[in-house]
Each structure stands twice: as C-alpha cells, then as structure tokens.
C-alpha cells in the first residue's frame, strides 16, 4: 500500500496547498509510504521540503512538455506512476490545477473523484468528508474504486512536519502521446498586483458593491497599502467590471488564508465566504447589522465604508507619525 501526491510548485518552493495535501495523505496512508510526483525543471530541488513533511520518495517526471503547465500530460504521468507503485490513493491540492489534473486522471482510469475533502479513511469503499455548497455544509460519502482519487479542500488541513530519515529521488520519462501534449500553457501575463499576491498576503482588504464604483476602491487600496496587504473584491465587483477577476475572493475566485481579512461593504454570500473561511480573523465593515458576514466576523463596525475606511487609514498614519 502507498499513497501518491501530485505536487504543485511555486518558484523555488512547494505550494502551500500541496504541503497540506501531503499532510492529508500521511493520515490516509496510516503508516504506509507517501510518494510525491513533481514535474518541471529543477523539480528535485523541493525534495528536502517534501522529506520534512513525510514524503519517502520524490518521483520526477521528465519531458519537454513539462516546461509549462500541461494538465493531461501530468495526469498521464500520474496514471503511469500510480500503476507502477500500486498506489491505493492519489491525492492533490484542491486548487484549480489540482482538481483539473485529477479530473483528467479520473477520466483516464475510469474512476470517480472526490473533490474538496477534509477527511478520509482507507478501505474499499473509503469514507470521505468533503465541503459542499461553498463550504456551507459537510457531506459524508463512500468512495469506490481500486485507486481512490481525492483533492484536499484548501486550508482545511494544516501542513505539519514529519521528517523522514532519507528521501530518495527517482526520475522517469512517462509514455506520452501527441494528444497528451496538446493542452498546455503557451504564454503567461502577469497581473498587476503591486507585488503582493492575493493568495499569499497576510492582510487582505476587500470591498463589494458597496464601494459604489471602480474609483471607490481608492480608499480600499490606500488601507491595503498602509497594512502591506492585497486588495480583494466580491464577484459582483468583477461582474461590474470594476476590478479584474484575479482580485476576486470566493468559490469561483481566489481562496485566501490571511492573518486578517477586512471585508468592506460585502454582504457575505456563501460563495464569497467559501473563499475567505481560511482567514484567521475577519473584520467586517457594513451598514447592515444583519448582514450574513457578521455571523462569521470576529470584529464588526456598523457604518458606511466610505467613512470608516478613511478613518482607519487616518489613525494608522497618525500612529506612524505620518
């Protein structure tokens, strides 16, 4: 028995969501070896980090297609490796890419996929608990199949260390067809984020329709700048064209886990709360004392964001002697 984790990387590091998936996989493996699949240039550079989190063997898939993101090729490599390892489960982060790769894998192997899991037990069937309806409820289900395919809900599991004595690296060249190489990223356009990633920011300041206009985000940007944070928004804002989709926090946007989330003029729809539930603390600024977001907020200010936000910024500048 072994469990295979499909690992995503950031420049020079393992993606945090993948480390959470490795922690999830360790519990699922229940003492059996945990293997990791990594693709792309210099993939073995993340071996020490994966070893610290309990991975016994890092498998590096080598092919020119992995110079960019190629989901079907990654799925094909995963299928080949899982078969060779006789893996009982394949786990990935519940990110856009993790869900996409494992969906392809499910199609290749004709197996079901349980997405956004928070718990799972081994066996056949495996009993899984997963987030549904934007995180508003938990579903328990039986997952059948010789190989269990699961993705881990972002920030539902904390990444923990479990160092192994020696993590080995094994390289292989997966058997890929021309069809496997068709879907791939051909170019990237960097979003103008001011240098702070929304997904990794320690402070996020967001607004919804209550901002009133694209220009209304000026005070939101000012407060985020003073706090060294990133600017977010609700889906209604992106649909209105006030902010790009890359700024959207929510089920269909970016899922965040900052130390502090300041939500200004956001009602707190289920889809939005699914994106910010990983926040350690939530401060809500809203004119409506019955807004749904207040049920999840740690702190609340009942008032007009156009008055409250500039007042917070003014106090911050005063405290800093600016």
C-alpha atoms as a PDB file:
ATOM      1  CA  UNK A   1       0.000   0.000   0.000  1.00  0.00           C
ATOM      2  CA  UNK A   2       1.183   3.524  -0.777  1.00  0.00           C
ATOM      3  CA  UNK A   3      -0.296   6.949  -1.405  1.00  0.00           C
ATOM      4  CA  UNK A   4       0.819   9.218  -4.234  1.00  0.00           C
ATOM      5  CA  UNK A   5       0.599  13.015  -4.009  1.00  0.00           C
ATOM      6  CA  UNK A   6       0.649  15.214  -7.124  1.00  0.00           C
ATOM      7  CA  UNK A   7       2.695  18.246  -6.074  1.00  0.00           C
ATOM      8  CA  UNK A   8       2.381  21.803  -7.366  1.00  0.00           C
ATOM      9  CA  UNK A   9       5.280  24.233  -7.071  1.00  0.00           C
ATOM     10  CA  UNK A  10       5.814  27.942  -6.700  1.00  0.00           C
ATOM     11  CA  UNK A  11       9.143  29.409  -7.870  1.00  0.00           C
ATOM     12  CA  UNK A  12      11.758  27.619  -5.775  1.00  0.00           C
ATOM     13  CA  UNK A  13       9.296  26.099  -3.316  1.00  0.00           C
ATOM     14  CA  UNK A  14       6.427  23.687  -2.820  1.00  0.00           C
ATOM     15  CA  UNK A  15       2.998  25.285  -2.991  1.00  0.00           C
ATOM     16  CA  UNK A  16       1.464  25.542   0.493  1.00  0.00           C
ATOM     17  CA  UNK A  17      -1.709  23.763  -0.639  1.00  0.00           C
ATOM     18  CA  UNK A  18       0.388  20.815  -1.793  1.00  0.00           C
ATOM     19  CA  UNK A  19       2.038  20.591   1.623  1.00  0.00           C
ATOM     20  CA  UNK A  20      -1.455  20.448   3.109  1.00  0.00           C
ATOM     21  CA  UNK A  21      -2.253  17.640   0.661  1.00  0.00           C
ATOM     22  CA  UNK A  22       0.886  15.758   1.772  1.00  0.00           C
ATOM     23  CA  UNK A  23      -0.216  16.044   5.409  1.00  0.00           C
ATOM     24  CA  UNK A  24      -3.665  14.729   4.416  1.00  0.00           C
ATOM     25  CA  UNK A  25      -2.025  11.866   2.506  1.00  0.00           C
ATOM     26  CA  UNK A  26       0.064  10.854   5.534  1.00  0.00           C
ATOM     27  CA  UNK A  27      -3.088  10.375   7.602  1.00  0.00           C
ATOM     28  CA  UNK A  28      -4.729   8.442   4.787  1.00  0.00           C
ATOM     29  CA  UNK A  29      -1.659   6.220   4.339  1.00  0.00           C
ATOM     30  CA  UNK A  30      -1.703   5.305   8.054  1.00  0.00           C
ATOM     31  CA  UNK A  31       1.997   4.455   8.179  1.00  0.00           C
ATOM     32  CA  UNK A  32       2.407   3.307   4.566  1.00  0.00           C
ATOM     33  CA  UNK A  33       4.876   5.155   2.300  1.00  0.00           C
ATOM     34  CA  UNK A  34       3.883   8.513   0.861  1.00  0.00           C
ATOM     35  CA  UNK A  35       5.259   9.215  -2.611  1.00  0.00           C
ATOM     36  CA  UNK A  36       5.250  12.530  -4.490  1.00  0.00           C
ATOM     37  CA  UNK A  37       5.117  13.299  -8.202  1.00  0.00           C
ATOM     38  CA  UNK A  38       6.859  16.500  -9.290  1.00  0.00           C
ATOM     39  CA  UNK A  39       7.233  17.785 -12.850  1.00  0.00           C
ATOM     40  CA  UNK A  40       9.169  20.604 -14.491  1.00  0.00           C
ATOM     41  CA  UNK A  41      12.705  21.955 -14.462  1.00  0.00           C
ATOM     42  CA  UNK A  42      14.724  21.548 -11.252  1.00  0.00           C
ATOM     43  CA  UNK A  43      11.842  19.564  -9.772  1.00  0.00           C
ATOM     44  CA  UNK A  44      14.112  17.680  -7.383  1.00  0.00           C
ATOM     45  CA  UNK A  45      15.052  20.952  -5.647  1.00  0.00           C
ATOM     46  CA  UNK A  46      11.944  20.601  -3.488  1.00  0.00           C
ATOM     47  CA  UNK A  47      12.994  17.181  -2.180  1.00  0.00           C
ATOM     48  CA  UNK A  48      14.224  18.474   1.233  1.00  0.00           C
ATOM     49  CA  UNK A  49      10.918  20.245   1.890  1.00  0.00           C
ATOM     50  CA  UNK A  50       8.864  17.216   0.893  1.00  0.00           C
ATOM     51  CA  UNK A  51      11.074  14.990   3.050  1.00  0.00           C
ATOM     52  CA  UNK A  52      10.435  17.239   6.045  1.00  0.00           C
ATOM     53  CA  UNK A  53       6.712  16.662   5.522  1.00  0.00           C
ATOM     54  CA  UNK A  54       6.879  12.875   5.354  1.00  0.00           C
ATOM     55  CA  UNK A  55       7.472  12.003   1.691  1.00  0.00           C
ATOM     56  CA  UNK A  56       9.684   8.928   1.328  1.00  0.00           C
ATOM     57  CA  UNK A  57      10.286   9.126  -2.441  1.00  0.00           C
ATOM     58  CA  UNK A  58      10.080  12.036  -4.885  1.00  0.00           C
ATOM     59  CA  UNK A  59       9.378  10.921  -8.453  1.00  0.00           C
ATOM     60  CA  UNK A  60      10.461  13.437 -11.085  1.00  0.00           C
ATOM     61  CA  UNK A  61       8.666  13.144 -14.440  1.00  0.00           C
ATOM     62  CA  UNK A  62      10.919  14.364 -17.239  1.00  0.00           C
ATOM     63  CA  UNK A  63       9.665  15.570 -20.619  1.00  0.00           C
ATOM     64  CA  UNK A  64       9.891  18.844 -22.527  1.00  0.00           C
ATOM     65  CA  UNK A  65       6.112  19.302 -22.233  1.00  0.00           C
ATOM     66  CA  UNK A  66       6.527  19.946 -18.509  1.00  0.00           C
ATOM     67  CA  UNK A  67       8.314  23.218 -19.235  1.00  0.00           C
ATOM     68  CA  UNK A  68       4.793  24.659 -18.977  1.00  0.00           C
ATOM     69  CA  UNK A  69       1.562  23.559 -17.357  1.00  0.00           C
ATOM     70  CA  UNK A  70       0.137  20.590 -19.291  1.00  0.00           C
ATOM     71  CA  UNK A  71      -2.705  19.018 -17.276  1.00  0.00           C
ATOM     72  CA  UNK A  72      -3.381  15.968 -19.437  1.00  0.00           C
ATOM     73  CA  UNK A  73       0.327  15.135 -19.625  1.00  0.00           C
ATOM     74  CA  UNK A  74       0.605  15.393 -15.823  1.00  0.00           C
ATOM     75  CA  UNK A  75      -2.455  13.147 -15.467  1.00  0.00           C
ATOM     76  CA  UNK A  76      -0.941  10.585 -17.851  1.00  0.00           C
ATOM     77  CA  UNK A  77       2.337  10.593 -15.889  1.00  0.00           C
ATOM     78  CA  UNK A  78       0.364  10.211 -12.653  1.00  0.00           C
ATOM     79  CA  UNK A  79      -1.582   7.249 -14.029  1.00  0.00           C
ATOM     80  CA  UNK A  80       1.629   5.527 -15.121  1.00  0.00           C
ATOM     81  CA  UNK A  81       3.363   6.110 -11.795  1.00  0.00           C
ATOM     82  CA  UNK A  82       0.335   5.128  -9.695  1.00  0.00           C
ATOM     83  CA  UNK A  83       0.140   1.860 -11.592  1.00  0.00           C
ATOM     84  CA  UNK A  84       3.825   1.122 -11.089  1.00  0.00           C
ATOM     85  CA  UNK A  85       3.609   1.909  -7.370  1.00  0.00           C
ATOM     86  CA  UNK A  86       0.312   0.060  -6.997  1.00  0.00           C
ATOM     87  CA  UNK A  87      -0.912   3.141  -5.167  1.00  0.00           C
ATOM     88  CA  UNK A  88      -4.166   2.769  -3.287  1.00  0.00           C
ATOM     89  CA  UNK A  89      -4.861   6.506  -3.453  1.00  0.00           C
ATOM     90  CA  UNK A  90      -3.811   9.589  -5.402  1.00  0.00           C
ATOM     91  CA  UNK A  91      -4.125  12.939  -3.635  1.00  0.00           C
ATOM     92  CA  UNK A  92      -3.762  16.511  -4.905  1.00  0.00           C
ATOM     93  CA  UNK A  93      -4.463  20.002  -3.616  1.00  0.00           C
ATOM     94  CA  UNK A  94      -7.996  21.254  -4.158  1.00  0.00           C
ATOM     95  CA  UNK A  95      -6.671  24.087  -6.319  1.00  0.00           C
ATOM     96  CA  UNK A  96      -7.795  24.821  -9.858  1.00  0.00           C
ATOM     97  CA  UNK A  97      -4.860  22.835 -11.217  1.00  0.00           C
ATOM     98  CA  UNK A  98      -5.126  20.017  -8.702  1.00  0.00           C
ATOM     99  CA  UNK A  99      -8.801  19.493  -9.450  1.00  0.00           C
ATOM    100  CA  UNK A 100      -8.165  19.696 -13.184  1.00  0.00           C
ATOM    101  CA  UNK A 101      -5.338  17.143 -13.197  1.00  0.00           C
ATOM    102  CA  UNK A 102      -7.236  14.648 -11.063  1.00  0.00           C
ATOM    103  CA  UNK A 103     -10.364  15.092 -13.187  1.00  0.00           C
ATOM    104  CA  UNK A 104      -8.263  14.098 -16.208  1.00  0.00           C
ATOM    105  CA  UNK A 105      -6.833  11.207 -14.186  1.00  0.00           C
ATOM    106  CA  UNK A 106     -10.327  10.017 -13.294  1.00  0.00           C
ATOM    107  CA  UNK A 107     -11.246  10.035 -16.979  1.00  0.00           C
ATOM    108  CA  UNK A 108      -8.097   8.110 -17.922  1.00  0.00           C
ATOM    109  CA  UNK A 109      -8.628   5.458 -15.235  1.00  0.00           C
ATOM    110  CA  UNK A 110     -12.455   5.472 -15.368  1.00  0.00           C
ATOM    111  CA  UNK A 111     -12.576   6.199 -11.642  1.00  0.00           C
ATOM    112  CA  UNK A 112     -14.617   8.652  -9.524  1.00  0.00           C
ATOM    113  CA  UNK A 113     -13.031  11.737  -7.968  1.00  0.00           C
ATOM    114  CA  UNK A 114     -13.884  13.077  -4.513  1.00  0.00           C
ATOM    115  CA  UNK A 115     -13.059  16.796  -4.547  1.00  0.00           C
ATOM    116  CA  UNK A 116     -12.584  19.227  -1.654  1.00  0.00           C
ATOM    117  CA  UNK A 117     -12.116  16.569   1.026  1.00  0.00           C
ATOM    118  CA  UNK A 118     -11.380  17.438   4.648  1.00  0.00           C
ATOM    119  CA  UNK A 119     -11.161  13.867   5.997  1.00  0.00           C
ATOM    120  CA  UNK A 120     -10.877  10.358   4.575  1.00  0.00           C
ATOM    121  CA  UNK A 121     -10.465   6.818   5.816  1.00  0.00           C
ATOM    122  CA  UNK A 122      -8.778   3.984   3.943  1.00  0.00           C
ATOM    123  CA  UNK A 123     -10.634   0.892   2.773  1.00  0.00           C
ATOM    124  CA  UNK A 124     -12.998  -0.012  -0.017  1.00  0.00           C
ATOM    125  CA  UNK A 125     -15.147   1.885  -0.049  1.00  0.00           C
ATOM    126  CA  UNK A 126     -13.307   4.767   1.606  1.00  0.00           C
ATOM    127  CA  UNK A 127     -15.419   7.095   3.719  1.00  0.00           C
ATOM    128  CA  UNK A 128     -14.734  10.729   2.814  1.00  0.00           C
ATOM    129  CA  UNK A 129     -15.955  14.002   4.281  1.00  0.00           C
ATOM    130  CA  UNK A 130     -15.924  16.913   1.880  1.00  0.00           C
ATOM    131  CA  UNK A 131     -17.042  20.508   1.610  1.00  0.00           C
ATOM    132  CA  UNK A 132     -20.177  21.200  -0.417  1.00  0.00           C
ATOM    133  CA  UNK A 133     -22.143  24.295  -1.365  1.00  0.00           C
ATOM    134  CA  UNK A 134     -19.219  26.627  -0.955  1.00  0.00           C
ATOM    135  CA  UNK A 135     -18.297  25.212   2.431  1.00  0.00           C
ATOM    136  CA  UNK A 136     -21.739  25.737   3.975  1.00  0.00           C
ATOM    137  CA  UNK A 137     -22.173  22.025   4.669  1.00  0.00           C
ATOM    138  CA  UNK A 138     -20.166  18.824   5.063  1.00  0.00           C
ATOM    139  CA  UNK A 139     -21.016  15.733   3.052  1.00  0.00           C
ATOM    140  CA  UNK A 140     -20.079  12.186   4.029  1.00  0.00           C
ATOM    141  CA  UNK A 141     -19.820   9.771   1.135  1.00  0.00           C
ATOM    142  CA  UNK A 142     -18.392   6.399   0.166  1.00  0.00           C
ATOM    143  CA  UNK A 143     -15.662   6.467  -2.474  1.00  0.00           C
ATOM    144  CA  UNK A 144     -15.274   3.281  -4.501  1.00  0.00           C
ATOM    145  CA  UNK A 145     -12.514   2.116  -6.830  1.00  0.00           C
ATOM    146  CA  UNK A 146      -9.212   0.265  -6.764  1.00  0.00           C
ATOM    147  CA  UNK A 147      -7.429   3.628  -6.594  1.00  0.00           C
ATOM    148  CA  UNK A 148      -9.050   6.419  -4.583  1.00  0.00           C
ATOM    149  CA  UNK A 149      -8.759   9.861  -6.188  1.00  0.00           C
ATOM    150  CA  UNK A 150      -9.091  12.811  -3.806  1.00  0.00           C
ATOM    151  CA  UNK A 151      -8.362  16.522  -3.688  1.00  0.00           C
ATOM    152  CA  UNK A 152      -7.970  18.341  -0.378  1.00  0.00           C
ATOM    153  CA  UNK A 153     -10.037  21.437   0.386  1.00  0.00           C
ATOM    154  CA  UNK A 154      -7.720  24.470   0.617  1.00  0.00           C
ATOM    155  CA  UNK A 155      -6.775  25.429   4.189  1.00  0.00           C
ATOM    156  CA  UNK A 156      -8.942  22.674   5.700  1.00  0.00           C
ATOM    157  CA  UNK A 157      -5.797  20.821   6.813  1.00  0.00           C
ATOM    158  CA  UNK A 158      -2.732  22.442   8.355  1.00  0.00           C
ATOM    159  CA  UNK A 159       0.593  21.409   6.850  1.00  0.00           C
ATOM    160  CA  UNK A 160       2.678  19.711   9.536  1.00  0.00           C
ATOM    161  CA  UNK A 161       6.204  18.336   9.635  1.00  0.00           C
ATOM    162  CA  UNK A 162       7.002  14.628   9.873  1.00  0.00           C
ATOM    163  CA  UNK A 163      10.632  14.292   8.747  1.00  0.00           C
ATOM    164  CA  UNK A 164      11.786  11.013   7.231  1.00  0.00           C
ATOM    165  CA  UNK A 165      15.338   9.726   7.583  1.00  0.00           C
ATOM    166  CA  UNK A 166      16.161   9.763   3.888  1.00  0.00           C
ATOM    167  CA  UNK A 167      14.025  10.896   0.960  1.00  0.00           C
ATOM    168  CA  UNK A 168      15.102   9.369  -2.327  1.00  0.00           C
ATOM    169  CA  UNK A 169      14.664  10.827  -5.828  1.00  0.00           C
ATOM    170  CA  UNK A 170      13.668   8.696  -8.800  1.00  0.00           C
ATOM    171  CA  UNK A 171      13.413  10.040 -12.332  1.00  0.00           C
ATOM    172  CA  UNK A 172      11.298   8.623 -15.123  1.00  0.00           C
ATOM    173  CA  UNK A 173      10.142   9.536 -18.617  1.00  0.00           C
ATOM    174  CA  UNK A 174       6.399   8.946 -18.881  1.00  0.00           C
ATOM    175  CA  UNK A 175       4.957   7.486 -22.075  1.00  0.00           C
ATOM    176  CA  UNK A 176       3.079  10.448 -23.554  1.00  0.00           C
ATOM    177  CA  UNK A 177       1.153  10.570 -26.806  1.00  0.00           C
ATOM    178  CA  UNK A 178       0.817  13.588 -29.083  1.00  0.00           C
ATOM    179  CA  UNK A 179      -2.723  14.055 -27.734  1.00  0.00           C
ATOM    180  CA  UNK A 180      -1.348  14.313 -24.189  1.00  0.00           C
ATOM    181  CA  UNK A 181       0.786  17.262 -25.285  1.00  0.00           C
ATOM    182  CA  UNK A 182      -1.930  19.333 -26.947  1.00  0.00           C
ATOM    183  CA  UNK A 183      -3.302  21.080 -23.842  1.00  0.00           C
ATOM    184  CA  UNK A 184      -0.569  23.275 -22.383  1.00  0.00           C
ATOM    185  CA  UNK A 185       0.079  26.847 -21.308  1.00  0.00           C
ATOM    186  CA  UNK A 186       1.623  28.781 -24.187  1.00  0.00           C
ATOM    187  CA  UNK A 187       2.063  32.175 -22.503  1.00  0.00           C
ATOM    188  CA  UNK A 188       1.545  33.964 -19.201  1.00  0.00           C
ATOM    189  CA  UNK A 189       0.502  37.534 -18.473  1.00  0.00           C
ATOM    190  CA  UNK A 190       1.463  38.825 -15.056  1.00  0.00           C
ATOM    191  CA  UNK A 191      -1.367  40.549 -13.213  1.00  0.00           C
ATOM    192  CA  UNK A 192      -0.645  43.984 -11.758  1.00  0.00           C
ATOM    193  CA  UNK A 193      -0.885  43.149  -8.032  1.00  0.00           C
ATOM    194  CA  UNK A 194       1.501  45.733  -6.675  1.00  0.00           C
ATOM    195  CA  UNK A 195       3.876  42.978  -5.637  1.00  0.00           C
ATOM    196  CA  UNK A 196       1.587  41.334  -3.043  1.00  0.00           C
ATOM    197  CA  UNK A 197      -0.084  38.069  -4.034  1.00  0.00           C
ATOM    198  CA  UNK A 198      -3.720  37.841  -3.023  1.00  0.00           C
ATOM    199  CA  UNK A 199      -3.386  34.134  -2.201  1.00  0.00           C
ATOM    200  CA  UNK A 200      -0.313  34.656  -0.005  1.00  0.00           C
ATOM    201  CA  UNK A 201      -0.993  38.073   1.557  1.00  0.00           C
ATOM    202  CA  UNK A 202      -1.070  38.258   5.356  1.00  0.00           C
ATOM    203  CA  UNK A 203      -3.655  41.049   5.167  1.00  0.00           C
ATOM    204  CA  UNK A 204      -6.413  41.354   2.559  1.00  0.00           C
ATOM    205  CA  UNK A 205      -8.749  44.338   2.283  1.00  0.00           C
ATOM    206  CA  UNK A 206     -11.808  43.695   0.123  1.00  0.00           C
ATOM    207  CA  UNK A 207     -14.914  45.511  -0.937  1.00  0.00           C
ATOM    208  CA  UNK A 208     -18.092  44.603  -2.709  1.00  0.00           C
ATOM    209  CA  UNK A 209     -20.798  46.519  -4.458  1.00  0.00           C
ATOM    210  CA  UNK A 210     -20.767  48.906  -1.512  1.00  0.00           C
ATOM    211  CA  UNK A 211     -17.644  50.568  -2.959  1.00  0.00           C
ATOM    212  CA  UNK A 212     -20.013  52.224  -5.434  1.00  0.00           C
ATOM    213  CA  UNK A 213     -17.646  52.297  -8.403  1.00  0.00           C
ATOM    214  CA  UNK A 214     -14.177  51.407  -9.611  1.00  0.00           C
ATOM    215  CA  UNK A 215     -12.995  54.754  -8.255  1.00  0.00           C
ATOM    216  CA  UNK A 216     -14.486  53.813  -4.877  1.00  0.00           C
ATOM    217  CA  UNK A 217     -11.685  51.270  -4.461  1.00  0.00           C
ATOM    218  CA  UNK A 218      -9.190  54.102  -3.973  1.00  0.00           C
ATOM    219  CA  UNK A 219      -9.721  54.085  -0.203  1.00  0.00           C
ATOM    220  CA  UNK A 220      -9.528  50.263  -0.171  1.00  0.00           C
ATOM    221  CA  UNK A 221      -6.190  50.380  -1.996  1.00  0.00           C
ATOM    222  CA  UNK A 222      -4.931  53.029   0.421  1.00  0.00           C
ATOM    223  CA  UNK A 223      -5.751  50.939   3.501  1.00  0.00           C
ATOM    224  CA  UNK A 224      -4.263  47.800   1.951  1.00  0.00           C
ATOM    225  CA  UNK A 225      -1.094  49.738   1.178  1.00  0.00           C
ATOM    226  CA  UNK A 226      -0.774  51.003   4.735  1.00  0.00           C
ATOM    227  CA  UNK A 227      -1.142  47.443   6.040  1.00  0.00           C
ATOM    228  CA  UNK A 228       1.193  45.922   3.469  1.00  0.00           C
ATOM    229  CA  UNK A 229      -1.683  43.846   2.175  1.00  0.00           C
ATOM    230  CA  UNK A 230      -3.509  42.963  -1.016  1.00  0.00           C
ATOM    231  CA  UNK A 231      -6.794  44.209  -2.434  1.00  0.00           C
ATOM    232  CA  UNK A 232      -9.657  41.786  -2.967  1.00  0.00           C
ATOM    233  CA  UNK A 233     -13.244  42.057  -4.090  1.00  0.00           C
ATOM    234  CA  UNK A 234     -16.504  40.169  -4.447  1.00  0.00           C
ATOM    235  CA  UNK A 235     -17.866  38.542  -7.586  1.00  0.00           C
ATOM    236  CA  UNK A 236     -20.373  41.371  -8.050  1.00  0.00           C
ATOM    237  CA  UNK A 237     -17.455  43.773  -8.433  1.00  0.00           C
ATOM    238  CA  UNK A 238     -15.739  41.742 -11.154  1.00  0.00           C
ATOM    239  CA  UNK A 239     -19.039  41.292 -12.982  1.00  0.00           C
ATOM    240  CA  UNK A 240     -19.483  45.063 -12.918  1.00  0.00           C
ATOM    241  CA  UNK A 241     -16.030  45.446 -14.451  1.00  0.00           C
ATOM    242  CA  UNK A 242     -14.634  47.457 -11.553  1.00  0.00           C
ATOM    243  CA  UNK A 243     -11.805  45.029 -10.743  1.00  0.00           C
ATOM    244  CA  UNK A 244     -10.139  42.125 -12.614  1.00  0.00           C
ATOM    245  CA  UNK A 245     -11.117  38.529 -11.870  1.00  0.00           C
ATOM    246  CA  UNK A 246      -7.677  37.965 -10.315  1.00  0.00           C
ATOM    247  CA  UNK A 247      -8.832  40.161  -7.396  1.00  0.00           C
ATOM    248  CA  UNK A 248     -11.954  38.105  -6.699  1.00  0.00           C
ATOM    249  CA  UNK A 249     -12.179  36.293  -3.380  1.00  0.00           C
ATOM    250  CA  UNK A 250     -14.605  33.400  -3.370  1.00  0.00           C
ATOM    251  CA  UNK A 251     -15.560  29.954  -4.536  1.00  0.00           C
ATOM    252  CA  UNK A 252     -15.007  30.893  -8.183  1.00  0.00           C
ATOM    253  CA  UNK A 253     -12.128  33.238  -7.387  1.00  0.00           C
ATOM    254  CA  UNK A 254      -9.107  33.037  -5.106  1.00  0.00           C
ATOM    255  CA  UNK A 255      -9.252  31.166  -1.798  1.00  0.00           C
ATOM    256  CA  UNK A 256      -7.292  33.076   0.818  1.00  0.00           C
ATOM    257  CA  UNK A 257      -5.989  32.449   4.338  1.00  0.00           C
ATOM    258  CA  UNK A 258      -4.601  35.775   5.639  1.00  0.00           C
ATOM    259  CA  UNK A 259      -3.970  36.686   9.243  1.00  0.00           C
ATOM    260  CA  UNK A 260      -6.553  39.443   8.820  1.00  0.00           C
ATOM    261  CA  UNK A 261      -9.362  39.835   6.298  1.00  0.00           C
ATOM    262  CA  UNK A 262     -11.097  43.221   6.196  1.00  0.00           C
ATOM    263  CA  UNK A 263     -14.381  42.956   4.285  1.00  0.00           C
ATOM    264  CA  UNK A 264     -15.910  46.333   3.497  1.00  0.00           C
ATOM    265  CA  UNK A 265     -19.440  46.566   2.133  1.00  0.00           C
ATOM    266  CA  UNK A 266     -19.622  42.806   1.456  1.00  0.00           C
ATOM    267  CA  UNK A 267     -22.826  41.045   2.484  1.00  0.00           C
ATOM    268  CA  UNK A 268     -21.194  37.625   2.869  1.00  0.00           C
ATOM    269  CA  UNK A 269     -22.803  35.340   0.324  1.00  0.00           C
ATOM    270  CA  UNK A 270     -21.973  31.649   0.707  1.00  0.00           C
ATOM    271  CA  UNK A 271     -19.750  31.683  -2.378  1.00  0.00           C
ATOM    272  CA  UNK A 272     -17.688  34.580  -1.015  1.00  0.00           C
ATOM    273  CA  UNK A 273     -17.319  33.072   2.439  1.00  0.00           C
ATOM    274  CA  UNK A 274     -16.017  29.873   0.849  1.00  0.00           C
ATOM    275  CA  UNK A 275     -13.055  31.898  -0.365  1.00  0.00           C
ATOM    276  CA  UNK A 276     -12.166  33.607   2.916  1.00  0.00           C
ATOM    277  CA  UNK A 277     -13.001  30.952   5.508  1.00  0.00           C
ATOM    278  CA  UNK A 278      -9.285  30.262   5.954  1.00  0.00           C
ATOM    279  CA  UNK A 279      -8.717  33.757   7.400  1.00  0.00           C
ATOM    280  CA  UNK A 280      -7.501  33.766  10.993  1.00  0.00           C
ATOM    281  CA  UNK A 281      -9.555  36.883  11.779  1.00  0.00           C
ATOM    282  CA  UNK A 282     -12.289  38.747   9.899  1.00  0.00           C
ATOM    283  CA  UNK A 283     -13.189  42.410  10.364  1.00  0.00           C
ATOM    284  CA  UNK A 284     -16.469  43.339   8.668  1.00  0.00           C
ATOM    285  CA  UNK A 285     -17.451  46.902   7.859  1.00  0.00           C
ATOM    286  CA  UNK A 286     -21.103  47.095   6.845  1.00  0.00           C
ATOM    287  CA  UNK A 287     -24.101  49.401   7.177  1.00  0.00           C
ATOM    288  CA  UNK A 288     -26.408  46.405   7.659  1.00  0.00           C
ATOM    289  CA  UNK A 289     -26.280  44.958  11.197  1.00  0.00           C
ATOM    290  CA  UNK A 290     -27.992  41.827   9.878  1.00  0.00           C
ATOM    291  CA  UNK A 291     -25.568  41.169   7.018  1.00  0.00           C
ATOM    292  CA  UNK A 292     -24.725  37.423   6.823  1.00  0.00           C
ATOM    293  CA  UNK A 293     -20.980  38.115   7.028  1.00  0.00           C
ATOM    294  CA  UNK A 294     -21.360  39.314  10.618  1.00  0.00           C
ATOM    295  CA  UNK A 295     -22.103  35.737  11.696  1.00  0.00           C
ATOM    296  CA  UNK A 296     -18.565  34.785  10.642  1.00  0.00           C
ATOM    297  CA  UNK A 297     -16.789  38.011  11.611  1.00  0.00           C
ATOM    298  CA  UNK A 298     -14.535  38.252  14.655  1.00  0.00           C
ATOM    299  CA  UNK A 299     -14.953  42.041  14.712  1.00  0.00           C
ATOM    300  CA  UNK A 300     -17.528  44.318  13.119  1.00  0.00           C
ATOM    301  CA  UNK A 301     -18.005  48.015  12.514  1.00  0.00           C
ATOM    302  CA  UNK A 302     -21.558  49.033  11.628  1.00  0.00           C
ATOM    303  CA  UNK A 303     -21.131  52.021   9.389  1.00  0.00           C
ATOM    304  CA  UNK A 304     -20.509  53.404   5.903  1.00  0.00           C
ATOM    305  CA  UNK A 305     -17.230  52.104   4.487  1.00  0.00           C
ATOM    306  CA  UNK A 306     -16.650  55.474   2.819  1.00  0.00           C
ATOM    307  CA  UNK A 307     -16.397  56.977   6.298  1.00  0.00           C
ATOM    308  CA  UNK A 308     -14.964  54.055   8.287  1.00  0.00           C
ATOM    309  CA  UNK A 309     -12.125  53.039   5.951  1.00  0.00           C
ATOM    310  CA  UNK A 310     -10.599  56.544   5.600  1.00  0.00           C
ATOM    311  CA  UNK A 311     -10.857  56.922   9.389  1.00  0.00           C
ATOM    312  CA  UNK A 312      -8.891  53.683   9.900  1.00  0.00           C
ATOM    313  CA  UNK A 313      -6.267  54.848   7.413  1.00  0.00           C
ATOM    314  CA  UNK A 314      -6.003  58.223   9.154  1.00  0.00           C
ATOM    315  CA  UNK A 315      -5.448  56.545  12.524  1.00  0.00           C
ATOM    316  CA  UNK A 316      -2.759  54.284  11.044  1.00  0.00           C
ATOM    317  CA  UNK A 317      -0.916  57.285   9.593  1.00  0.00           C
ATOM    318  CA  UNK A 318      -1.227  59.126  12.883  1.00  0.00           C
ATOM    319  CA  UNK A 319       0.150  56.178  14.838  1.00  0.00           C
ATOM    320  CA  UNK A 320       3.127  56.041  12.486  1.00  0.00           C
ATOM    321  CA  UNK A 321       3.711  59.762  12.742  1.00  0.00           C
ATOM    322  CA  UNK A 322       2.985  60.258   9.050  1.00  0.00           C
END
